[in-house]
N, C-alpha and C. Protein backbone atom coordinates (compact mmCIF):
# COMPACT_ATOMS: atom_id res chain seq x y z
N GLN A 1 -3.12 -14.78 -14.23
CA GLN A 1 -2.08 -13.77 -14.13
C GLN A 1 -2.45 -12.74 -13.07
N LEU A 2 -1.56 -12.56 -12.12
CA LEU A 2 -1.83 -11.61 -11.05
C LEU A 2 -1.67 -10.19 -11.57
N GLN A 3 -2.65 -9.37 -11.31
CA GLN A 3 -2.57 -7.96 -11.68
C GLN A 3 -3.03 -7.08 -10.53
N LEU A 4 -2.32 -5.99 -10.33
CA LEU A 4 -2.67 -5.02 -9.32
C LEU A 4 -2.66 -3.64 -9.99
N VAL A 5 -3.68 -2.86 -9.72
CA VAL A 5 -3.79 -1.53 -10.32
C VAL A 5 -4.09 -0.53 -9.21
N GLU A 6 -3.18 0.45 -9.06
CA GLU A 6 -3.39 1.51 -8.07
C GLU A 6 -4.16 2.67 -8.68
N SER A 7 -4.89 3.37 -7.83
CA SER A 7 -5.58 4.59 -8.25
C SER A 7 -5.76 5.48 -7.02
N GLY A 8 -6.14 6.72 -7.27
CA GLY A 8 -6.43 7.63 -6.18
C GLY A 8 -5.36 8.65 -5.87
N GLY A 9 -4.24 8.57 -6.58
CA GLY A 9 -3.20 9.55 -6.34
C GLY A 9 -3.58 10.91 -6.89
N GLY A 10 -2.76 11.91 -6.57
CA GLY A 10 -3.02 13.25 -7.07
C GLY A 10 -2.23 14.29 -6.32
N LEU A 11 -2.63 15.54 -6.52
CA LEU A 11 -2.00 16.68 -5.85
C LEU A 11 -2.87 17.11 -4.68
N VAL A 12 -2.25 17.27 -3.52
CA VAL A 12 -2.99 17.67 -2.33
C VAL A 12 -2.13 18.63 -1.52
N GLN A 13 -2.77 19.53 -0.81
CA GLN A 13 -2.04 20.48 0.03
C GLN A 13 -1.59 19.80 1.32
N PRO A 14 -0.54 20.31 1.93
CA PRO A 14 -0.12 19.76 3.24
C PRO A 14 -1.29 19.79 4.22
N GLY A 15 -1.40 18.71 4.97
CA GLY A 15 -2.51 18.57 5.89
C GLY A 15 -3.74 17.91 5.30
N GLY A 16 -3.73 17.73 4.00
CA GLY A 16 -4.87 17.13 3.32
C GLY A 16 -4.86 15.61 3.38
N SER A 17 -5.82 15.02 2.70
CA SER A 17 -5.99 13.56 2.71
C SER A 17 -6.18 13.03 1.30
N LEU A 18 -5.77 11.80 1.14
CA LEU A 18 -6.01 11.04 -0.08
C LEU A 18 -6.31 9.60 0.30
N ARG A 19 -7.07 8.94 -0.55
CA ARG A 19 -7.35 7.53 -0.35
C ARG A 19 -6.91 6.77 -1.60
N LEU A 20 -5.89 5.97 -1.44
CA LEU A 20 -5.41 5.15 -2.54
C LEU A 20 -6.17 3.83 -2.55
N SER A 21 -6.38 3.31 -3.76
CA SER A 21 -7.00 2.00 -3.91
C SER A 21 -6.07 1.10 -4.72
N CYS A 22 -6.14 -0.16 -4.40
CA CYS A 22 -5.39 -1.18 -5.14
C CYS A 22 -6.39 -2.27 -5.51
N THR A 23 -6.70 -2.34 -6.79
CA THR A 23 -7.65 -3.34 -7.27
C THR A 23 -6.88 -4.50 -7.87
N VAL A 24 -7.23 -5.70 -7.43
CA VAL A 24 -6.48 -6.87 -7.87
C VAL A 24 -7.35 -7.77 -8.73
N SER A 25 -6.70 -8.54 -9.59
CA SER A 25 -7.40 -9.51 -10.42
C SER A 25 -6.45 -10.67 -10.70
N GLY A 26 -7.04 -11.80 -11.06
CA GLY A 26 -6.24 -12.96 -11.39
C GLY A 26 -5.89 -13.83 -10.20
N PHE A 27 -6.32 -13.43 -9.01
CA PHE A 27 -6.06 -14.24 -7.83
C PHE A 27 -7.06 -13.89 -6.73
N ALA A 28 -7.19 -14.80 -5.80
CA ALA A 28 -8.10 -14.59 -4.68
C ALA A 28 -7.41 -13.75 -3.62
N LEU A 29 -7.86 -12.52 -3.45
CA LEU A 29 -7.21 -11.58 -2.55
C LEU A 29 -7.10 -12.12 -1.14
N GLU A 30 -8.05 -12.93 -0.72
CA GLU A 30 -8.09 -13.40 0.66
C GLU A 30 -6.85 -14.23 1.03
N TYR A 31 -6.13 -14.73 0.04
CA TYR A 31 -4.95 -15.55 0.31
C TYR A 31 -3.64 -14.78 0.21
N TYR A 32 -3.75 -13.46 0.14
CA TYR A 32 -2.54 -12.66 -0.04
C TYR A 32 -2.46 -11.52 0.96
N ALA A 33 -1.27 -11.27 1.43
CA ALA A 33 -1.01 -10.03 2.15
C ALA A 33 -0.66 -8.97 1.11
N ILE A 34 -1.04 -7.74 1.40
CA ILE A 34 -0.78 -6.64 0.46
C ILE A 34 0.09 -5.59 1.13
N GLY A 35 1.14 -5.24 0.46
CA GLY A 35 2.03 -4.20 0.95
C GLY A 35 1.88 -2.93 0.15
N TRP A 36 2.11 -1.82 0.80
CA TRP A 36 2.18 -0.51 0.15
C TRP A 36 3.63 -0.02 0.29
N PHE A 37 4.16 0.43 -0.82
CA PHE A 37 5.51 0.96 -0.86
C PHE A 37 5.50 2.29 -1.58
N ARG A 38 6.52 3.07 -1.39
CA ARG A 38 6.62 4.33 -2.11
C ARG A 38 8.06 4.59 -2.50
N ARG A 39 8.19 5.38 -3.54
CA ARG A 39 9.52 5.75 -4.00
C ARG A 39 9.51 7.23 -4.34
N ALA A 40 10.28 7.97 -3.58
CA ALA A 40 10.43 9.41 -3.83
C ALA A 40 11.58 9.62 -4.80
N PRO A 41 11.60 10.74 -5.52
CA PRO A 41 12.67 11.00 -6.47
C PRO A 41 14.05 10.91 -5.82
N GLY A 42 14.93 10.14 -6.42
CA GLY A 42 16.29 10.03 -5.92
C GLY A 42 16.45 9.14 -4.69
N LYS A 43 15.37 8.47 -4.32
CA LYS A 43 15.45 7.63 -3.12
C LYS A 43 15.09 6.18 -3.44
N GLU A 44 15.41 5.29 -2.53
CA GLU A 44 15.06 3.89 -2.68
C GLU A 44 13.58 3.66 -2.31
N HIS A 45 13.08 2.49 -2.72
CA HIS A 45 11.73 2.12 -2.29
C HIS A 45 11.67 2.06 -0.77
N GLU A 46 10.55 2.53 -0.24
CA GLU A 46 10.34 2.52 1.19
C GLU A 46 9.05 1.77 1.51
N GLY A 47 9.10 0.87 2.45
CA GLY A 47 7.90 0.18 2.87
C GLY A 47 7.02 1.11 3.68
N VAL A 48 5.74 1.20 3.32
CA VAL A 48 4.81 2.11 4.00
C VAL A 48 3.89 1.34 4.95
N SER A 49 3.30 0.27 4.42
CA SER A 49 2.34 -0.47 5.21
C SER A 49 2.19 -1.87 4.66
N CYS A 50 1.73 -2.76 5.52
CA CYS A 50 1.42 -4.13 5.09
C CYS A 50 0.16 -4.56 5.82
N ILE A 51 -0.82 -5.03 5.05
CA ILE A 51 -2.05 -5.54 5.66
C ILE A 51 -2.09 -7.04 5.40
N PRO A 52 -2.19 -7.84 6.47
CA PRO A 52 -2.14 -9.28 6.30
C PRO A 52 -3.41 -9.83 5.68
N SER A 53 -3.35 -11.08 5.25
CA SER A 53 -4.51 -11.70 4.62
C SER A 53 -5.70 -11.77 5.57
N SER A 54 -5.42 -11.83 6.86
CA SER A 54 -6.50 -11.87 7.86
C SER A 54 -7.21 -10.54 8.00
N GLY A 55 -6.56 -9.46 7.54
CA GLY A 55 -7.16 -8.13 7.62
C GLY A 55 -6.85 -7.38 8.90
N GLY A 56 -6.36 -8.05 9.91
CA GLY A 56 -6.08 -7.40 11.17
C GLY A 56 -4.60 -7.24 11.41
N GLY A 57 -4.24 -6.29 12.28
CA GLY A 57 -2.84 -6.15 12.66
C GLY A 57 -1.94 -5.65 11.57
N SER A 58 -2.34 -4.60 10.88
CA SER A 58 -1.49 -4.04 9.84
C SER A 58 -0.23 -3.43 10.45
N THR A 59 0.80 -3.41 9.65
CA THR A 59 2.08 -2.82 10.06
C THR A 59 2.30 -1.52 9.30
N TYR A 60 2.87 -0.53 9.98
CA TYR A 60 3.11 0.76 9.36
C TYR A 60 4.54 1.22 9.63
N ALA A 61 5.10 1.91 8.66
CA ALA A 61 6.39 2.55 8.86
C ALA A 61 6.24 3.66 9.89
N ASP A 62 7.28 3.91 10.65
CA ASP A 62 7.22 4.95 11.68
C ASP A 62 6.83 6.31 11.10
N ALA A 63 7.27 6.57 9.86
CA ALA A 63 7.03 7.87 9.25
C ALA A 63 5.55 8.14 8.98
N VAL A 64 4.74 7.08 8.93
CA VAL A 64 3.33 7.26 8.59
C VAL A 64 2.39 6.79 9.70
N LYS A 65 2.95 6.23 10.75
CA LYS A 65 2.13 5.67 11.82
C LYS A 65 1.24 6.76 12.43
N GLY A 66 -0.02 6.44 12.58
CA GLY A 66 -0.97 7.39 13.14
C GLY A 66 -1.61 8.28 12.09
N ARG A 67 -1.08 8.26 10.88
CA ARG A 67 -1.64 9.10 9.80
C ARG A 67 -2.24 8.25 8.67
N PHE A 68 -1.66 7.09 8.43
CA PHE A 68 -2.12 6.23 7.35
C PHE A 68 -2.83 5.01 7.94
N THR A 69 -3.85 4.54 7.21
CA THR A 69 -4.58 3.35 7.63
C THR A 69 -4.88 2.47 6.41
N ALA A 70 -4.49 1.23 6.52
CA ALA A 70 -4.76 0.27 5.44
C ALA A 70 -6.01 -0.53 5.77
N SER A 71 -6.77 -0.85 4.73
CA SER A 71 -7.96 -1.68 4.91
C SER A 71 -8.13 -2.54 3.66
N ARG A 72 -8.95 -3.55 3.77
CA ARG A 72 -9.16 -4.42 2.62
C ARG A 72 -10.60 -4.89 2.56
N ASP A 73 -11.07 -5.12 1.34
CA ASP A 73 -12.40 -5.66 1.09
C ASP A 73 -12.21 -6.81 0.10
N ASN A 74 -12.10 -8.01 0.66
CA ASN A 74 -11.81 -9.16 -0.19
C ASN A 74 -12.92 -9.42 -1.21
N ALA A 75 -14.15 -9.15 -0.84
CA ALA A 75 -15.27 -9.38 -1.75
C ALA A 75 -15.19 -8.49 -2.98
N LYS A 76 -14.58 -7.31 -2.81
CA LYS A 76 -14.44 -6.36 -3.91
C LYS A 76 -13.04 -6.38 -4.51
N ASN A 77 -12.22 -7.31 -4.03
CA ASN A 77 -10.84 -7.43 -4.54
C ASN A 77 -10.09 -6.10 -4.47
N THR A 78 -10.28 -5.39 -3.38
CA THR A 78 -9.71 -4.05 -3.27
C THR A 78 -9.07 -3.84 -1.91
N VAL A 79 -7.94 -3.18 -1.93
CA VAL A 79 -7.25 -2.75 -0.72
C VAL A 79 -7.12 -1.23 -0.78
N HIS A 80 -7.29 -0.59 0.35
CA HIS A 80 -7.22 0.87 0.41
C HIS A 80 -6.10 1.31 1.34
N LEU A 81 -5.58 2.48 1.06
CA LEU A 81 -4.65 3.14 1.98
C LEU A 81 -5.17 4.55 2.19
N GLN A 82 -5.73 4.80 3.36
CA GLN A 82 -6.22 6.13 3.72
C GLN A 82 -5.06 6.92 4.28
N MET A 83 -4.78 8.06 3.66
CA MET A 83 -3.65 8.88 4.06
C MET A 83 -4.14 10.24 4.53
N ASN A 84 -3.95 10.52 5.79
CA ASN A 84 -4.37 11.78 6.39
C ASN A 84 -3.17 12.61 6.83
N SER A 85 -3.41 13.87 7.09
CA SER A 85 -2.35 14.78 7.56
C SER A 85 -1.10 14.66 6.70
N LEU A 86 -1.30 14.73 5.41
CA LEU A 86 -0.18 14.53 4.49
C LEU A 86 0.85 15.64 4.59
N LYS A 87 2.09 15.24 4.40
CA LYS A 87 3.22 16.16 4.49
C LYS A 87 3.97 16.18 3.15
N PRO A 88 4.70 17.24 2.86
CA PRO A 88 5.48 17.27 1.61
C PRO A 88 6.41 16.06 1.47
N GLU A 89 6.93 15.57 2.56
CA GLU A 89 7.83 14.41 2.49
C GLU A 89 7.11 13.10 2.15
N ASP A 90 5.78 13.13 2.08
CA ASP A 90 5.03 11.96 1.63
C ASP A 90 4.96 11.89 0.10
N THR A 91 5.45 12.93 -0.57
CA THR A 91 5.43 12.94 -2.03
C THR A 91 6.26 11.79 -2.58
N ALA A 92 5.63 10.98 -3.43
CA ALA A 92 6.30 9.80 -3.99
C ALA A 92 5.33 9.11 -4.95
N VAL A 93 5.85 8.13 -5.66
CA VAL A 93 5.01 7.18 -6.38
C VAL A 93 4.70 6.04 -5.41
N TYR A 94 3.43 5.75 -5.27
CA TYR A 94 2.99 4.72 -4.33
C TYR A 94 2.61 3.45 -5.11
N TYR A 95 3.09 2.32 -4.61
CA TYR A 95 2.85 1.03 -5.23
C TYR A 95 2.18 0.09 -4.24
N CYS A 96 1.28 -0.75 -4.76
CA CYS A 96 0.82 -1.87 -3.96
C CYS A 96 1.44 -3.15 -4.53
N ALA A 97 1.61 -4.13 -3.68
CA ALA A 97 2.26 -5.37 -4.08
C ALA A 97 1.66 -6.51 -3.27
N ALA A 98 1.74 -7.72 -3.83
CA ALA A 98 1.12 -8.88 -3.20
C ALA A 98 2.14 -9.96 -2.88
N VAL A 99 1.92 -10.62 -1.75
CA VAL A 99 2.72 -11.78 -1.36
C VAL A 99 1.75 -12.87 -0.88
N GLN A 100 1.98 -14.10 -1.34
CA GLN A 100 1.08 -15.18 -0.99
C GLN A 100 1.13 -15.48 0.50
N SER A 101 -0.06 -15.71 1.07
CA SER A 101 -0.16 -15.94 2.51
C SER A 101 -0.87 -17.26 2.82
N TYR A 102 -0.89 -18.16 1.85
CA TYR A 102 -1.49 -19.48 2.04
C TYR A 102 -0.77 -20.46 1.14
N PRO A 103 -0.42 -21.65 1.62
CA PRO A 103 -0.75 -22.20 2.94
C PRO A 103 0.11 -21.65 4.08
N GLU A 104 1.25 -21.05 3.77
CA GLU A 104 2.08 -20.50 4.84
C GLU A 104 1.71 -19.04 5.06
N TYR A 105 1.29 -18.72 6.26
CA TYR A 105 0.83 -17.36 6.59
C TYR A 105 2.00 -16.39 6.54
N TYR A 106 1.76 -15.26 5.88
CA TYR A 106 2.79 -14.23 5.81
C TYR A 106 2.58 -13.22 6.93
N HIS A 107 3.62 -13.05 7.74
CA HIS A 107 3.54 -12.12 8.86
C HIS A 107 4.01 -10.74 8.44
N CYS A 108 3.10 -9.80 8.44
CA CYS A 108 3.42 -8.44 8.01
C CYS A 108 4.37 -7.72 8.94
N SER A 109 4.54 -8.23 10.15
CA SER A 109 5.39 -7.53 11.11
C SER A 109 6.82 -7.35 10.60
N ARG A 110 7.21 -8.20 9.68
CA ARG A 110 8.57 -8.11 9.14
C ARG A 110 8.54 -7.95 7.63
N PHE A 111 7.55 -7.20 7.14
CA PHE A 111 7.41 -7.15 5.69
C PHE A 111 8.62 -6.50 5.03
N ASN A 112 8.97 -7.09 3.90
CA ASN A 112 10.17 -6.69 3.18
C ASN A 112 9.86 -6.67 1.70
N ARG A 113 10.32 -5.65 1.02
CA ARG A 113 10.04 -5.49 -0.40
C ARG A 113 10.38 -6.74 -1.20
N ALA A 114 11.45 -7.42 -0.85
CA ALA A 114 11.90 -8.59 -1.60
C ALA A 114 10.92 -9.75 -1.54
N ASP A 115 10.02 -9.73 -0.56
CA ASP A 115 9.06 -10.83 -0.40
C ASP A 115 7.91 -10.73 -1.39
N PHE A 116 7.69 -9.55 -1.96
CA PHE A 116 6.51 -9.29 -2.77
C PHE A 116 6.83 -9.49 -4.24
N GLY A 117 6.13 -10.46 -4.86
CA GLY A 117 6.46 -10.82 -6.22
C GLY A 117 5.63 -10.16 -7.29
N SER A 118 4.48 -9.60 -6.92
CA SER A 118 3.60 -8.99 -7.91
C SER A 118 3.35 -7.55 -7.52
N TRP A 119 3.51 -6.64 -8.49
CA TRP A 119 3.45 -5.21 -8.23
C TRP A 119 2.52 -4.51 -9.20
N GLY A 120 1.92 -3.42 -8.73
CA GLY A 120 1.18 -2.54 -9.61
C GLY A 120 2.11 -1.56 -10.28
N GLN A 121 1.53 -0.68 -11.10
CA GLN A 121 2.33 0.27 -11.88
C GLN A 121 2.63 1.55 -11.12
N GLY A 122 1.93 1.76 -10.03
CA GLY A 122 2.18 2.93 -9.19
C GLY A 122 1.23 4.08 -9.48
N THR A 123 1.05 4.93 -8.47
CA THR A 123 0.25 6.14 -8.62
C THR A 123 0.98 7.28 -7.91
N GLN A 124 1.02 8.43 -8.56
CA GLN A 124 1.78 9.57 -8.04
C GLN A 124 0.98 10.31 -6.97
N VAL A 125 1.64 10.57 -5.86
CA VAL A 125 1.08 11.41 -4.80
C VAL A 125 2.02 12.60 -4.62
N THR A 126 1.47 13.80 -4.76
CA THR A 126 2.26 15.01 -4.60
C THR A 126 1.60 15.88 -3.53
N VAL A 127 2.38 16.20 -2.51
CA VAL A 127 1.89 17.04 -1.41
C VAL A 127 2.62 18.37 -1.49
N SER A 128 1.89 19.40 -1.86
CA SER A 128 2.53 20.69 -2.08
C SER A 128 1.49 21.80 -1.98
N SER A 129 1.94 22.95 -1.50
CA SER A 129 1.05 24.11 -1.46
C SER A 129 1.22 24.97 -2.70
């Protein structure tokens, strides 16, 4: 059974940083691309980032490009999202999700929420002074 658990959310002041983690179990992380999504109150889910199974060439939403960085450690079954220069508009519940990338490689360049079949429960990020 695929399971994903997010952690690392919290309250931070504008300009601050947080590092989210997504710990997976029940599957070999190396065969999956991992997406990060967020949902702000009253808004639809928004794709934030996608890190491919190869680990290179992550994709980022324009709103977070240059501020957020995704990384993965397959040996530790963990994916991270480093979030710097946080803004109040980054406030949301953040989710990680998995999509199989073997035998057919999943290209993160066109990542779409509908492609991801397994989701974590989410972690709250609040950016406020």
